[in-house]
PDB file of N, CA and C in Angstrom:
ATOM      1  N   UNK A   1      57.716 -34.922   1.974  1.00  0.00           N
ATOM      2  CA  UNK A   1      56.514 -35.405   2.574  1.00  0.00           C
ATOM      3  C   UNK A   1      55.914 -34.387   3.540  1.00  0.00           C
ATOM      4  N   UNK A   2      56.771 -33.649   4.160  1.00  0.00           N
ATOM      5  CA  UNK A   2      56.316 -32.634   5.095  1.00  0.00           C
ATOM      6  C   UNK A   2      55.538 -31.537   4.380  1.00  0.00           C
ATOM      7  N   UNK A   3      55.998 -31.182   3.188  1.00  0.00           N
ATOM      8  CA  UNK A   3      55.297 -30.133   2.448  1.00  0.00           C
ATOM      9  C   UNK A   3      53.922 -30.622   1.988  1.00  0.00           C
ATOM     10  N   UNK A   4      53.796 -31.932   1.673  1.00  0.00           N
ATOM     11  CA  UNK A   4      52.488 -32.477   1.291  1.00  0.00           C
ATOM     12  C   UNK A   4      51.518 -32.401   2.464  1.00  0.00           C
ATOM     13  N   UNK A   5      52.015 -32.717   3.650  1.00  0.00           N
ATOM     14  CA  UNK A   5      51.155 -32.646   4.831  1.00  0.00           C
ATOM     15  C   UNK A   5      50.705 -31.205   5.088  1.00  0.00           C
ATOM     16  N   UNK A   6      51.657 -30.293   4.986  1.00  0.00           N
ATOM     17  CA  UNK A   6      51.329 -28.876   5.188  1.00  0.00           C
ATOM     18  C   UNK A   6      50.338 -28.399   4.129  1.00  0.00           C
ATOM     19  N   UNK A   7      50.540 -28.808   2.907  1.00  0.00           N
ATOM     20  CA  UNK A   7      49.631 -28.424   1.822  1.00  0.00           C
ATOM     21  C   UNK A   7      48.237 -29.003   2.055  1.00  0.00           C
ATOM     22  N   UNK A   8      48.177 -30.268   2.469  1.00  0.00           N
ATOM     23  CA  UNK A   8      46.886 -30.903   2.746  1.00  0.00           C
ATOM     24  C   UNK A   8      46.208 -30.210   3.928  1.00  0.00           C
ATOM     25  N   UNK A   9      46.991 -29.848   4.943  1.00  0.00           N
ATOM     26  CA  UNK A   9      46.438 -29.165   6.108  1.00  0.00           C
ATOM     27  C   UNK A   9      45.874 -27.798   5.709  1.00  0.00           C
ATOM     28  N   UNK A  10      46.630 -27.053   4.879  1.00  0.00           N
ATOM     29  CA  UNK A  10      46.148 -25.751   4.404  1.00  0.00           C
ATOM     30  C   UNK A  10      44.882 -25.919   3.571  1.00  0.00           C
ATOM     31  N   UNK A  11      44.849 -26.966   2.766  1.00  0.00           N
ATOM     32  CA  UNK A  11      43.674 -27.235   1.932  1.00  0.00           C
ATOM     33  C   UNK A  11      42.455 -27.533   2.804  1.00  0.00           C
ATOM     34  N   UNK A  12      42.655 -28.377   3.842  1.00  0.00           N
ATOM     35  CA  UNK A  12      41.545 -28.686   4.754  1.00  0.00           C
ATOM     36  C   UNK A  12      41.078 -27.434   5.495  1.00  0.00           C
ATOM     37  N   UNK A  13      42.019 -26.611   5.933  1.00  0.00           N
ATOM     38  CA  UNK A  13      41.661 -25.380   6.635  1.00  0.00           C
ATOM     39  C   UNK A  13      40.898 -24.425   5.705  1.00  0.00           C
ATOM     40  N   UNK A  14      41.336 -24.352   4.451  1.00  0.00           N
ATOM     41  CA  UNK A  14      40.667 -23.492   3.480  1.00  0.00           C
ATOM     42  C   UNK A  14      39.242 -23.985   3.235  1.00  0.00           C
ATOM     43  N   UNK A  15      39.078 -25.297   3.086  1.00  0.00           N
ATOM     44  CA  UNK A  15      37.744 -25.869   2.884  1.00  0.00           C
ATOM     45  C   UNK A  15      36.867 -25.637   4.109  1.00  0.00           C
ATOM     46  N   UNK A  16      37.456 -25.786   5.304  1.00  0.00           N
ATOM     47  CA  UNK A  16      36.696 -25.552   6.532  1.00  0.00           C
ATOM     48  C   UNK A  16      36.262 -24.089   6.619  1.00  0.00           C
ATOM     49  N   UNK A  17      37.160 -23.179   6.238  1.00  0.00           N
ATOM     50  CA  UNK A  17      36.821 -21.753   6.254  1.00  0.00           C
ATOM     51  C   UNK A  17      35.695 -21.457   5.258  1.00  0.00           C
ATOM     52  N   UNK A  18      35.767 -22.076   4.065  1.00  0.00           N
ATOM     53  CA  UNK A  18      34.705 -21.891   3.072  1.00  0.00           C
ATOM     54  C   UNK A  18      33.378 -22.437   3.599  1.00  0.00           C
ATOM     55  N   UNK A  19      33.434 -23.599   4.256  1.00  0.00           N
ATOM     56  CA  UNK A  19      32.228 -24.189   4.829  1.00  0.00           C
ATOM     57  C   UNK A  19      31.650 -23.283   5.917  1.00  0.00           C
ATOM     58  N   UNK A  20      32.514 -22.741   6.774  1.00  0.00           N
ATOM     59  CA  UNK A  20      32.055 -21.824   7.821  1.00  0.00           C
ATOM     60  C   UNK A  20      31.428 -20.566   7.217  1.00  0.00           C
ATOM     61  N   UNK A  21      32.067 -20.029   6.177  1.00  0.00           N
ATOM     62  CA  UNK A  21      31.526 -18.841   5.506  1.00  0.00           C
ATOM     63  C   UNK A  21      30.150 -19.127   4.906  1.00  0.00           C
ATOM     64  N   UNK A  22      30.029 -20.274   4.250  1.00  0.00           N
ATOM     65  CA  UNK A  22      28.741 -20.634   3.646  1.00  0.00           C
ATOM     66  C   UNK A  22      27.674 -20.871   4.711  1.00  0.00           C
ATOM     67  N   UNK A  23      28.071 -21.481   5.826  1.00  0.00           N
ATOM     68  CA  UNK A  23      27.124 -21.703   6.925  1.00  0.00           C
ATOM     69  C   UNK A  23      26.637 -20.372   7.487  1.00  0.00           C
ATOM     70  N   UNK A  24      27.556 -19.433   7.657  1.00  0.00           N
ATOM     71  CA  UNK A  24      27.176 -18.096   8.131  1.00  0.00           C
ATOM     72  C   UNK A  24      26.259 -17.393   7.130  1.00  0.00           C
ATOM     73  N   UNK A  25      26.573 -17.556   5.847  1.00  0.00           N
ATOM     74  CA  UNK A  25      25.752 -16.935   4.808  1.00  0.00           C
ATOM     75  C   UNK A  25      24.342 -17.532   4.806  1.00  0.00           C
ATOM     76  N   UNK A  26      24.244 -18.849   4.978  1.00  0.00           N
ATOM     77  CA  UNK A  26      22.934 -19.507   5.037  1.00  0.00           C
ATOM     78  C   UNK A  26      22.135 -18.970   6.221  1.00  0.00           C
ATOM     79  N   UNK A  27      22.802 -18.844   7.359  1.00  0.00           N
ATOM     80  CA  UNK A  27      22.131 -18.328   8.553  1.00  0.00           C
ATOM     81  C   UNK A  27      21.638 -16.901   8.329  1.00  0.00           C
ATOM     82  N   UNK A  28      22.475 -16.079   7.734  1.00  0.00           N
ATOM     83  CA  UNK A  28      22.096 -14.688   7.459  1.00  0.00           C
ATOM     84  C   UNK A  28      20.935 -14.622   6.462  1.00  0.00           C
ATOM     85  N   UNK A  29      20.971 -15.442   5.424  1.00  0.00           N
ATOM     86  CA  UNK A  29      19.893 -15.451   4.427  1.00  0.00           C
ATOM     87  C   UNK A  29      18.580 -15.952   5.027  1.00  0.00           C
ATOM     88  N   UNK A  30      18.664 -16.939   5.927  1.00  0.00           N
ATOM     89  CA  UNK A  30      17.449 -17.410   6.601  1.00  0.00           C
ATOM     90  C   UNK A  30      16.843 -16.299   7.444  1.00  0.00           C
ATOM     91  N   UNK A  31      17.697 -15.554   8.131  1.00  0.00           N
ATOM     92  CA  UNK A  31      17.215 -14.435   8.947  1.00  0.00           C
ATOM     93  C   UNK A  31      16.554 -13.372   8.071  1.00  0.00           C
ATOM     94  N   UNK A  32      17.183 -13.042   6.953  1.00  0.00           N
ATOM     95  CA  UNK A  32      16.595 -12.070   6.025  1.00  0.00           C
ATOM     96  C   UNK A  32      15.270 -12.582   5.470  1.00  0.00           C
ATOM     97  N   UNK A  33      15.217 -13.868   5.176  1.00  0.00           N
ATOM     98  CA  UNK A  33      13.991 -14.469   4.653  1.00  0.00           C
ATOM     99  C   UNK A  33      12.862 -14.354   5.673  1.00  0.00           C
ATOM    100  N   UNK A  34      13.158 -14.614   6.935  1.00  0.00           N
ATOM    101  CA  UNK A  34      12.146 -14.490   7.992  1.00  0.00           C
ATOM    102  C   UNK A  34      11.648 -13.051   8.106  1.00  0.00           C
ATOM    103  N   UNK A  35      12.566 -12.093   8.013  1.00  0.00           N
ATOM    104  CA  UNK A  35      12.168 -10.686   8.076  1.00  0.00           C
ATOM    105  C   UNK A  35      11.277 -10.325   6.888  1.00  0.00           C
ATOM    106  N   UNK A  36      11.630 -10.806   5.709  1.00  0.00           N
ATOM    107  CA  UNK A  36      10.821 -10.522   4.518  1.00  0.00           C
ATOM    108  C   UNK A  36       9.442 -11.159   4.628  1.00  0.00           C
ATOM    109  N   UNK A  37       9.388 -12.373   5.156  1.00  0.00           N
ATOM    110  CA  UNK A  37       8.091 -13.024   5.338  1.00  0.00           C
ATOM    111  C   UNK A  37       7.223 -12.245   6.322  1.00  0.00           C
ATOM    112  N   UNK A  38       7.832 -11.725   7.374  1.00  0.00           N
ATOM    113  CA  UNK A  38       7.096 -10.913   8.341  1.00  0.00           C
ATOM    114  C   UNK A  38       6.574  -9.636   7.684  1.00  0.00           C
ATOM    115  N   UNK A  39       7.411  -8.995   6.880  1.00  0.00           N
ATOM    116  CA  UNK A  39       6.983  -7.784   6.171  1.00  0.00           C
ATOM    117  C   UNK A  39       5.836  -8.094   5.215  1.00  0.00           C
ATOM    118  N   UNK A  40       5.935  -9.204   4.493  1.00  0.00           N
ATOM    119  CA  UNK A  40       4.869  -9.595   3.568  1.00  0.00           C
ATOM    120  C   UNK A  40       3.579  -9.828   4.339  1.00  0.00           C
ATOM    121  N   UNK A  41       3.680 -10.494   5.482  1.00  0.00           N
ATOM    122  CA  UNK A  41       2.492 -10.758   6.297  1.00  0.00           C
ATOM    123  C   UNK A  41       1.859  -9.450   6.771  1.00  0.00           C
ATOM    124  N   UNK A  42       2.680  -8.528   7.269  1.00  0.00           N
ATOM    125  CA  UNK A  42       2.158  -7.248   7.745  1.00  0.00           C
ATOM    126  C   UNK A  42       1.536  -6.445   6.608  1.00  0.00           C
ATOM    127  N   UNK A  43       2.194  -6.421   5.454  1.00  0.00           N
ATOM    128  CA  UNK A  43       1.654  -5.685   4.312  1.00  0.00           C
ATOM    129  C   UNK A  43       0.371  -6.323   3.797  1.00  0.00           C
ATOM    130  N   UNK A  44       0.290  -7.643   3.867  1.00  0.00           N
ATOM    131  CA  UNK A  44      -0.942  -8.328   3.455  1.00  0.00           C
ATOM    132  C   UNK A  44      -2.086  -7.945   4.382  1.00  0.00           C
ATOM    133  N   UNK A  45      -1.815  -7.891   5.682  1.00  0.00           N
ATOM    134  CA  UNK A  45      -2.849  -7.472   6.637  1.00  0.00           C
ATOM    135  C   UNK A  45      -3.278  -6.031   6.379  1.00  0.00           C
ATOM    136  N   UNK A  46      -2.308  -5.154   6.160  1.00  0.00           N
ATOM    137  CA  UNK A  46      -2.637  -3.755   5.878  1.00  0.00           C
ATOM    138  C   UNK A  46      -3.467  -3.650   4.606  1.00  0.00           C
ATOM    139  N   UNK A  47      -3.116  -4.433   3.596  1.00  0.00           N
ATOM    140  CA  UNK A  47      -3.858  -4.426   2.339  1.00  0.00           C
ATOM    141  C   UNK A  47      -5.297  -4.879   2.561  1.00  0.00           C
ATOM    142  N   UNK A  48      -5.486  -5.909   3.382  1.00  0.00           N
ATOM    143  CA  UNK A  48      -6.838  -6.391   3.667  1.00  0.00           C
ATOM    144  C   UNK A  48      -7.653  -5.311   4.377  1.00  0.00           C
ATOM    145  N   UNK A  49      -7.029  -4.615   5.336  1.00  0.00           N
ATOM    146  CA  UNK A  49      -7.733  -3.533   6.035  1.00  0.00           C
ATOM    147  C   UNK A  49      -8.097  -2.410   5.067  1.00  0.00           C
ATOM    148  N   UNK A  50      -7.164  -2.070   4.181  1.00  0.00           N
ATOM    149  CA  UNK A  50      -7.431  -1.009   3.207  1.00  0.00           C
ATOM    150  C   UNK A  50      -8.554  -1.413   2.255  1.00  0.00           C
ATOM    151  N   UNK A  51      -8.533  -2.661   1.808  1.00  0.00           N
ATOM    152  CA  UNK A  51      -9.597  -3.130   0.919  1.00  0.00           C
ATOM    153  C   UNK A  51     -10.944  -3.096   1.630  1.00  0.00           C
ATOM    154  N   UNK A  52     -10.954  -3.475   2.894  1.00  0.00           N
ATOM    155  CA  UNK A  52     -12.184  -3.422   3.681  1.00  0.00           C
ATOM    156  C   UNK A  52     -12.681  -1.978   3.804  1.00  0.00           C
ATOM    157  N   UNK A  53     -11.765  -1.065   4.102  1.00  0.00           N
ATOM    158  CA  UNK A  53     -12.134   0.348   4.186  1.00  0.00           C
ATOM    159  C   UNK A  53     -12.657   0.861   2.847  1.00  0.00           C
ATOM    160  N   UNK A  54     -12.024   0.434   1.751  1.00  0.00           N
ATOM    161  CA  UNK A  54     -12.471   0.858   0.422  1.00  0.00           C
ATOM    162  C   UNK A  54     -13.882   0.373   0.133  1.00  0.00           C
ATOM    163  N   UNK A  55     -14.197  -0.855   0.526  1.00  0.00           N
ATOM    164  CA  UNK A  55     -15.549  -1.382   0.315  1.00  0.00           C
ATOM    165  C   UNK A  55     -16.558  -0.536   1.085  1.00  0.00           C
ATOM    166  N   UNK A  56     -16.223  -0.207   2.325  1.00  0.00           N
ATOM    167  CA  UNK A  56     -17.118   0.617   3.146  1.00  0.00           C
ATOM    168  C   UNK A  56     -17.295   1.996   2.519  1.00  0.00           C
ATOM    169  N   UNK A  57     -16.185   2.596   2.086  1.00  0.00           N
ATOM    170  CA  UNK A  57     -16.263   3.930   1.488  1.00  0.00           C
ATOM    171  C   UNK A  57     -17.035   3.915   0.168  1.00  0.00           C
ATOM    172  N   UNK A  58     -16.840   2.879  -0.641  1.00  0.00           N
ATOM    173  CA  UNK A  58     -17.599   2.782  -1.902  1.00  0.00           C
ATOM    174  C   UNK A  58     -19.091   2.631  -1.628  1.00  0.00           C
ATOM    175  N   UNK A  59     -19.420   1.835  -0.623  1.00  0.00           N
ATOM    176  CA  UNK A  59     -20.823   1.661  -0.249  1.00  0.00           C
ATOM    177  C   UNK A  59     -21.415   2.990   0.207  1.00  0.00           C
ATOM    178  N   UNK A  60     -20.673   3.709   1.026  1.00  0.00           N
ATOM    179  CA  UNK A  60     -21.138   5.016   1.498  1.00  0.00           C
ATOM    180  C   UNK A  60     -21.278   5.993   0.333  1.00  0.00           C
ATOM    181  N   UNK A  61     -20.325   5.975  -0.593  1.00  0.00           N
ATOM    182  CA  UNK A  61     -20.388   6.842  -1.769  1.00  0.00           C
ATOM    183  C   UNK A  61     -21.637   6.551  -2.591  1.00  0.00           C
ATOM    184  N   UNK A  62     -21.906   5.271  -2.836  1.00  0.00           N
ATOM    185  CA  UNK A  62     -23.097   4.903  -3.611  1.00  0.00           C
ATOM    186  C   UNK A  62     -24.369   5.328  -2.891  1.00  0.00           C
ATOM    187  N   UNK A  63     -24.394   5.162  -1.583  1.00  0.00           N
ATOM    188  CA  UNK A  63     -25.555   5.578  -0.799  1.00  0.00           C
ATOM    189  C   UNK A  63     -25.772   7.084  -0.913  1.00  0.00           C
ATOM    190  N   UNK A  64     -24.693   7.845  -0.808  1.00  0.00           N
ATOM    191  CA  UNK A  64     -24.805   9.299  -0.914  1.00  0.00           C
ATOM    192  C   UNK A  64     -25.216   9.733  -2.320  1.00  0.00           C
ATOM    193  N   UNK A  65     -24.721   9.039  -3.336  1.00  0.00           N
ATOM    194  CA  UNK A  65     -25.129   9.350  -4.710  1.00  0.00           C
ATOM    195  C   UNK A  65     -26.623   9.103  -4.895  1.00  0.00           C
ATOM    196  N   UNK A  66     -27.099   7.975  -4.374  1.00  0.00           N
ATOM    197  CA  UNK A  66     -28.532   7.671  -4.475  1.00  0.00           C
ATOM    198  C   UNK A  66     -29.359   8.720  -3.736  1.00  0.00           C
ATOM    199  N   UNK A  67     -28.900   9.126  -2.579  1.00  0.00           N
ATOM    200  CA  UNK A  67     -29.624  10.148  -1.814  1.00  0.00           C
ATOM    201  C   UNK A  67     -29.651  11.467  -2.574  1.00  0.00           C
ATOM    202  N   UNK A  68     -28.526  11.831  -3.189  1.00  0.00           N
ATOM    203  CA  UNK A  68     -28.463  13.058  -3.974  1.00  0.00           C
ATOM    204  C   UNK A  68     -29.428  13.002  -5.154  1.00  0.00           C
ATOM    205  N   UNK A  69     -29.458  11.864  -5.849  1.00  0.00           N
ATOM    206  CA  UNK A  69     -30.399  11.713  -6.968  1.00  0.00           C
ATOM    207  C   UNK A  69     -31.838  11.852  -6.486  1.00  0.00           C
ATOM    208  N   UNK A  70     -32.143  11.232  -5.357  1.00  0.00           N
ATOM    209  CA  UNK A  70     -33.494  11.327  -4.804  1.00  0.00           C
ATOM    210  C   UNK A  70     -33.842  12.769  -4.457  1.00  0.00           C
ATOM    211  N   UNK A  71     -32.927  13.470  -3.799  1.00  0.00           N
ATOM    212  CA  UNK A  71     -33.191  14.860  -3.416  1.00  0.00           C
ATOM    213  C   UNK A  71     -33.337  15.754  -4.642  1.00  0.00           C
ATOM    214  N   UNK A  72     -32.515  15.529  -5.662  1.00  0.00           N
ATOM    215  CA  UNK A  72     -32.641  16.309  -6.895  1.00  0.00           C
ATOM    216  C   UNK A  72     -33.972  16.041  -7.580  1.00  0.00           C
ATOM    217  N   UNK A  73     -34.399  14.785  -7.600  1.00  0.00           N
ATOM    218  CA  UNK A  73     -35.697  14.481  -8.223  1.00  0.00           C
ATOM    219  C   UNK A  73     -36.838  15.087  -7.408  1.00  0.00           C
ATOM    220  N   UNK A  74     -36.688  15.113  -6.083  1.00  0.00           N
ATOM    221  CA  UNK A  74     -37.698  15.753  -5.234  1.00  0.00           C
ATOM    222  C   UNK A  74     -37.777  17.247  -5.533  1.00  0.00           C
ATOM    223  N   UNK A  75     -36.641  17.884  -5.690  1.00  0.00           N
ATOM    224  CA  UNK A  75     -36.616  19.316  -6.021  1.00  0.00           C
ATOM    225  C   UNK A  75     -37.277  19.554  -7.373  1.00  0.00           C
ATOM    226  N   UNK A  76     -36.966  18.714  -8.369  1.00  0.00           N
ATOM    227  CA  UNK A  76     -37.592  18.863  -9.691  1.00  0.00           C
ATOM    228  C   UNK A  76     -39.103  18.678  -9.609  1.00  0.00           C
ATOM    229  N   UNK A  77     -39.524  17.719  -8.809  1.00  0.00           N
ATOM    230  CA  UNK A  77     -40.970  17.504  -8.635  1.00  0.00           C
ATOM    231  C   UNK A  77     -41.615  18.724  -7.989  1.00  0.00           C
ATOM    232  N   UNK A  78     -40.953  19.288  -6.985  1.00  0.00           N
ATOM    233  CA  UNK A  78     -41.480  20.484  -6.318  1.00  0.00           C
ATOM    234  C   UNK A  78     -41.551  21.655  -7.288  1.00  0.00           C
ATOM    235  N   UNK A  79     -40.548  21.766  -8.160  1.00  0.00           N
ATOM    236  CA  UNK A  79     -40.560  22.832  -9.161  1.00  0.00           C
ATOM    237  C   UNK A  79     -41.743  22.663 -10.111  1.00  0.00           C
ATOM    238  N   UNK A  80     -41.989  21.419 -10.545  1.00  0.00           N
ATOM    239  CA  UNK A  80     -43.089  21.169 -11.476  1.00  0.00           C
ATOM    240  C   UNK A  80     -44.438  21.431 -10.813  1.00  0.00           C
ATOM    241  N   UNK A  81     -44.574  21.022  -9.561  1.00  0.00           N
ATOM    242  CA  UNK A  81     -45.844  21.197  -8.857  1.00  0.00           C
ATOM    243  C   UNK A  81     -46.106  22.681  -8.582  1.00  0.00           C
ATOM    244  N   UNK A  82     -45.085  23.374  -8.079  1.00  0.00           N
ATOM    245  CA  UNK A  82     -45.282  24.772  -7.685  1.00  0.00           C
ATOM    246  C   UNK A  82     -45.137  25.734  -8.852  1.00  0.00           C
ATOM    247  N   UNK A  83     -44.442  25.314  -9.892  1.00  0.00           N
ATOM    248  CA  UNK A  83     -44.190  26.209 -11.013  1.00  0.00           C
ATOM    249  C   UNK A  83     -43.131  27.244 -10.710  1.00  0.00           C
ATOM    250  N   UNK A  84     -42.493  27.126  -9.578  1.00  0.00           N
ATOM    251  CA  UNK A  84     -41.446  28.068  -9.175  1.00  0.00           C
ATOM    252  C   UNK A  84     -40.095  27.362  -9.295  1.00  0.00           C
ATOM    253  N   UNK A  85     -39.159  28.056  -9.895  1.00  0.00           N
ATOM    254  CA  UNK A  85     -37.814  27.502 -10.035  1.00  0.00           C
ATOM    255  C   UNK A  85     -37.083  27.600  -8.701  1.00  0.00           C
ATOM    256  N   UNK A  86     -36.518  26.523  -8.287  1.00  0.00           N
ATOM    257  CA  UNK A  86     -35.775  26.492  -7.022  1.00  0.00           C
ATOM    258  C   UNK A  86     -34.292  26.420  -7.363  1.00  0.00           C
ATOM    259  N   UNK A  87     -33.583  27.460  -6.969  1.00  0.00           N
ATOM    260  CA  UNK A  87     -32.144  27.483  -7.220  1.00  0.00           C
ATOM    261  C   UNK A  87     -31.431  26.770  -6.082  1.00  0.00           C
ATOM    262  N   UNK A  88     -30.683  25.763  -6.436  1.00  0.00           N
ATOM    263  CA  UNK A  88     -29.916  25.010  -5.447  1.00  0.00           C
ATOM    264  C   UNK A  88     -28.444  25.198  -5.769  1.00  0.00           C
ATOM    265  N   UNK A  89     -27.722  25.665  -4.783  1.00  0.00           N
ATOM    266  CA  UNK A  89     -26.285  25.819  -4.979  1.00  0.00           C
ATOM    267  C   UNK A  89     -25.642  24.440  -4.974  1.00  0.00           C
ATOM    268  N   UNK A  90     -24.826  24.197  -5.950  1.00  0.00           N
ATOM    269  CA  UNK A  90     -24.141  22.908  -6.009  1.00  0.00           C
ATOM    270  C   UNK A  90     -22.657  23.142  -5.791  1.00  0.00           C
ATOM    271  N   UNK A  91     -22.112  22.345  -4.957  1.00  0.00           N
ATOM    272  CA  UNK A  91     -20.673  22.411  -4.704  1.00  0.00           C
ATOM    273  C   UNK A  91     -19.974  21.577  -5.760  1.00  0.00           C
ATOM    274  N   UNK A  92     -18.840  22.032  -6.250  1.00  0.00           N
ATOM    275  CA  UNK A  92     -18.112  21.223  -7.234  1.00  0.00           C
ATOM    276  C   UNK A  92     -17.664  19.904  -6.613  1.00  0.00           C
ATOM    277  N   UNK A  93     -17.779  18.868  -7.383  1.00  0.00           N
ATOM    278  CA  UNK A  93     -17.404  17.537  -6.902  1.00  0.00           C
ATOM    279  C   UNK A  93     -16.038  17.169  -7.468  1.00  0.00           C
ATOM    280  N   UNK A  94     -14.983  17.208  -6.640  1.00  0.00           N
ATOM    281  CA  UNK A  94     -13.649  16.886  -7.150  1.00  0.00           C
ATOM    282  C   UNK A  94     -13.527  15.434  -7.602  1.00  0.00           C
ATOM    283  N   UNK A  95     -14.432  14.558  -7.153  1.00  0.00           N
ATOM    284  CA  UNK A  95     -14.353  13.161  -7.572  1.00  0.00           C
ATOM    285  C   UNK A  95     -14.784  12.984  -9.022  1.00  0.00           C
ATOM    286  N   UNK A  96     -15.587  13.940  -9.539  1.00  0.00           N
ATOM    287  CA  UNK A  96     -16.019  13.833 -10.925  1.00  0.00           C
ATOM    288  C   UNK A  96     -14.902  14.197 -11.889  1.00  0.00           C
ATOM    289  N   UNK A  97     -13.990  15.060 -11.446  1.00  0.00           N
ATOM    290  CA  UNK A  97     -12.860  15.468 -12.274  1.00  0.00           C
ATOM    291  C   UNK A  97     -11.575  15.356 -11.453  1.00  0.00           C
ATOM    292  N   UNK A  98     -11.059  14.151 -11.271  1.00  0.00           N
ATOM    293  CA  UNK A  98      -9.894  13.982 -10.400  1.00  0.00           C
ATOM    294  C   UNK A  98      -8.635  14.655 -10.936  1.00  0.00           C
ATOM    295  N   UNK A  99      -8.600  14.975 -12.224  1.00  0.00           N
ATOM    296  CA  UNK A  99      -7.429  15.632 -12.784  1.00  0.00           C
ATOM    297  C   UNK A  99      -7.417  17.121 -12.428  1.00  0.00           C
ATOM    298  N   UNK A 100      -8.546  17.653 -11.955  1.00  0.00           N
ATOM    299  CA  UNK A 100      -8.613  19.044 -11.523  1.00  0.00           C
ATOM    300  C   UNK A 100      -8.833  19.062 -10.012  1.00  0.00           C
ATOM    301  N   UNK A 101      -7.771  19.033  -9.289  1.00  0.00           N
ATOM    302  CA  UNK A 101      -7.868  19.006  -7.832  1.00  0.00           C
ATOM    303  C   UNK A 101      -8.359  20.351  -7.313  1.00  0.00           C
ATOM    304  N   UNK A 102      -9.170  20.358  -6.253  1.00  0.00           N
ATOM    305  CA  UNK A 102      -9.716  21.605  -5.730  1.00  0.00           C
ATOM    306  C   UNK A 102      -8.668  22.514  -5.097  1.00  0.00           C
ATOM    307  N   UNK A 103      -7.543  21.951  -4.721  1.00  0.00           N
ATOM    308  CA  UNK A 103      -6.482  22.776  -4.158  1.00  0.00           C
ATOM    309  C   UNK A 103      -5.157  22.295  -4.740  1.00  0.00           C
ATOM    310  N   UNK A 104      -4.196  23.202  -4.867  1.00  0.00           N
ATOM    311  CA  UNK A 104      -2.910  22.775  -5.420  1.00  0.00           C
ATOM    312  C   UNK A 104      -2.220  21.798  -4.474  1.00  0.00           C
ATOM    313  N   UNK A 105      -1.527  20.874  -5.051  1.00  0.00           N
ATOM    314  CA  UNK A 105      -0.838  19.891  -4.222  1.00  0.00           C
ATOM    315  C   UNK A 105       0.629  20.260  -4.092  1.00  0.00           C
ATOM    316  N   UNK A 106       1.233  19.769  -3.042  1.00  0.00           N
ATOM    317  CA  UNK A 106       2.646  19.994  -2.808  1.00  0.00           C
ATOM    318  C   UNK A 106       3.346  18.653  -2.780  1.00  0.00           C
ATOM    319  N   UNK A 107       4.523  18.621  -3.364  1.00  0.00           N
ATOM    320  CA  UNK A 107       5.317  17.405  -3.302  1.00  0.00           C
ATOM    321  C   UNK A 107       5.875  17.256  -1.897  1.00  0.00           C
ATOM    322  N   UNK A 108       5.840  16.044  -1.394  1.00  0.00           N
ATOM    323  CA  UNK A 108       6.346  15.761  -0.057  1.00  0.00           C
ATOM    324  C   UNK A 108       7.522  14.811  -0.197  1.00  0.00           C
ATOM    325  N   UNK A 109       8.633  15.196   0.333  1.00  0.00           N
ATOM    326  CA  UNK A 109       9.818  14.352   0.275  1.00  0.00           C
ATOM    327  C   UNK A 109       9.741  13.342   1.415  1.00  0.00           C
ATOM    328  N   UNK A 110      10.002  12.091   1.101  1.00  0.00           N
ATOM    329  CA  UNK A 110       9.942  11.039   2.110  1.00  0.00           C
ATOM    330  C   UNK A 110      11.289  10.348   2.191  1.00  0.00           C
ATOM    331  N   UNK A 111      11.596   9.861   3.361  1.00  0.00           N
ATOM    332  CA  UNK A 111      12.801   9.087   3.583  1.00  0.00           C
ATOM    333  C   UNK A 111      12.626   7.732   2.917  1.00  0.00           C
ATOM    334  N   UNK A 112      13.627   7.270   2.180  1.00  0.00           N
ATOM    335  CA  UNK A 112      13.495   6.001   1.464  1.00  0.00           C
ATOM    336  C   UNK A 112      13.348   4.813   2.408  1.00  0.00           C
ATOM    337  N   UNK A 113      13.753   4.931   3.641  1.00  0.00           N
ATOM    338  CA  UNK A 113      13.663   3.828   4.593  1.00  0.00           C
ATOM    339  C   UNK A 113      12.431   3.892   5.474  1.00  0.00           C
ATOM    340  N   UNK A 114      11.491   4.755   5.142  1.00  0.00           N
ATOM    341  CA  UNK A 114      10.338   4.960   6.019  1.00  0.00           C
ATOM    342  C   UNK A 114       9.447   3.727   6.105  1.00  0.00           C
ATOM    343  N   UNK A 115       9.410   2.911   5.052  1.00  0.00           N
ATOM    344  CA  UNK A 115       8.519   1.766   5.033  1.00  0.00           C
ATOM    345  C   UNK A 115       9.212   0.473   5.436  1.00  0.00           C
ATOM    346  N   UNK A 116      10.438   0.563   5.854  1.00  0.00           N
ATOM    347  CA  UNK A 116      11.156  -0.637   6.264  1.00  0.00           C
ATOM    348  C   UNK A 116      10.930  -0.879   7.744  1.00  0.00           C
ATOM    349  N   UNK A 117      10.879  -2.154   8.098  1.00  0.00           N
ATOM    350  CA  UNK A 117      10.694  -2.515   9.510  1.00  0.00           C
ATOM    351  C   UNK A 117      12.017  -2.548  10.218  1.00  0.00           C
TER     352      UNK A 117
END
């Protein structure tokens, strides 16, 4: 009978230890979940700011394109009126050919943990 009591006691202690381990694991997972939610929130905010900046930059790009078209048409009109050819130096536009970058690029090594909070 004594061995049954000892066995039952060991069984209860083992179950209690398993319960404690699971409770600790739940606590740790909740903490990790909170950290991940915070990271998602911060990244969502950064994404919204980037999208806002992109809208502004696209608007500015379209405005500059329209201005360039207007200036080019003005130059053509001046050429037709005066009969004199006007040579305008044009700078290459890297945005028209993104596969041909104006300067060589260098690979930059980054730490894998740089984006972690």
